[in-house]
Amino acid sequence: MCEKKFPKTIRVLINDDITPYGDSELIASYSSALASVDNRMSILVISHLSWIGHLMAEWILGLQPPMFSTSSLTCIGYNPEFEASD
C-alpha cells in the first residue's frame, strides 16, 4: 500500500530516456531492476504527459494507457512476484 507521505530520499537518479518520446518498456524494466537490486520499497518517477500513461501500462498488465491531467499524481503498488514473464 502506498504511504501517505513520501519516504526519506535515499538517492536521486536522472534518466534521459524519461521524455515524451522515451521508451516506456525500457524504463519499466529499468525501474523493476532498480527496485529489485536496491531492495526499494518505493520509487518516485517524475515525467511528462502522455508518456507516463504508457509507462503505467507497462507496469500494469492489461491496462490501456491512461490519460492524466496536468500535475497529476498516482501511486502504484509493486510486487515483483507478480511481474510478467517473457
Protein backbone atom coordinates (compact mmCIF):
# COMPACT_ATOMS: atom_id res chain seq x y z
CA MET A 1 0.00 0.00 0.00
CA CYS A 2 1.26 3.49 -0.79
CA GLU A 3 2.30 5.67 2.08
CA LYS A 4 0.52 8.92 2.83
CA LYS A 5 3.80 10.81 2.77
CA PHE A 6 6.96 10.44 0.78
CA PRO A 7 9.71 8.40 2.43
CA LYS A 8 13.15 9.85 3.05
CA THR A 9 15.05 10.30 -0.23
CA ILE A 10 17.96 7.92 -0.43
CA ARG A 11 19.17 8.60 -3.95
CA VAL A 12 18.15 10.75 -6.92
CA LEU A 13 18.72 9.39 -10.42
CA ILE A 14 18.15 11.25 -13.67
CA ASN A 15 17.42 9.21 -16.76
CA ASP A 16 17.46 10.93 -20.14
CA ASP A 17 15.05 8.30 -21.53
CA ILE A 18 12.18 9.71 -19.43
CA THR A 19 10.98 12.10 -22.11
CA PRO A 20 7.75 12.46 -24.10
CA TYR A 21 9.23 10.17 -26.78
CA GLY A 22 11.13 7.82 -24.45
CA ASP A 23 10.88 4.03 -24.44
CA SER A 24 8.39 3.16 -21.70
CA GLU A 25 9.24 -0.56 -21.87
CA LEU A 26 12.92 0.24 -21.23
CA ILE A 27 12.11 2.44 -18.22
CA ALA A 28 9.67 -0.13 -16.81
CA SER A 29 12.41 -2.78 -16.95
CA TYR A 30 14.97 -0.37 -15.50
CA SER A 31 12.64 0.60 -12.64
CA SER A 32 11.86 -3.03 -11.84
CA ALA A 33 15.56 -3.90 -11.82
CA LEU A 34 16.33 -0.91 -9.59
CA ALA A 35 13.60 -1.89 -7.13
CA SER A 36 14.86 -5.48 -7.06
CA VAL A 37 18.61 -4.86 -6.86
CA ASP A 38 18.42 -2.00 -4.36
CA ASN A 39 15.52 -3.61 -2.46
CA ARG A 40 13.45 -0.43 -2.83
CA MET A 41 10.03 -0.17 -1.26
CA SER A 42 9.18 2.92 -3.31
CA ILE A 43 10.32 4.76 -6.42
CA LEU A 44 9.11 8.21 -7.44
CA VAL A 45 9.01 8.84 -11.19
CA ILE A 46 8.50 12.38 -12.45
CA SER A 47 7.73 12.67 -16.13
CA HIS A 48 5.81 14.30 -18.95
CA LEU A 49 2.22 13.67 -20.02
CA SER A 50 1.20 11.27 -22.11
CA TRP A 51 4.33 9.16 -21.78
CA ILE A 52 3.68 8.35 -18.12
CA GLY A 53 0.41 6.65 -19.09
CA HIS A 54 2.35 4.32 -21.37
CA LEU A 55 4.78 3.57 -18.56
CA MET A 56 1.88 2.67 -16.27
CA ALA A 57 0.55 0.32 -18.96
CA GLU A 58 3.94 -1.45 -18.91
CA TRP A 59 3.69 -1.93 -15.13
CA ILE A 60 0.02 -2.97 -15.00
CA LEU A 61 -0.87 -5.88 -17.25
CA GLY A 62 -3.92 -5.30 -19.44
CA LEU A 63 -4.16 -1.58 -18.65
CA GLN A 64 -4.87 0.79 -21.52
CA PRO A 65 -2.55 3.80 -21.17
CA PRO A 66 -4.48 6.28 -19.01
CA MET A 67 -4.52 9.99 -19.72
CA PHE A 68 -3.67 12.32 -16.85
CA SER A 69 -4.42 15.95 -16.18
CA THR A 70 -1.52 18.35 -15.76
CA SER A 71 0.23 17.97 -12.38
CA SER A 72 -1.40 14.60 -11.68
CA LEU A 73 -0.08 12.14 -9.15
CA THR A 74 -0.69 8.41 -8.92
CA CYS A 75 0.60 5.60 -6.75
CA ILE A 76 1.10 2.01 -7.92
CA GLY A 77 1.79 -0.88 -5.57
CA TYR A 78 4.61 -3.09 -6.88
CA ASN A 79 5.15 -6.75 -6.11
CA PRO A 80 7.98 -8.45 -8.06
CA GLU A 81 6.31 -11.85 -7.54
CA PHE A 82 3.54 -10.76 -9.94
CA GLU A 83 5.88 -9.44 -12.62
CA ALA A 84 5.06 -10.77 -16.10
CA SER A 85 7.42 -13.34 -17.52
CA ASP A 86 8.85 -13.07 -21.04
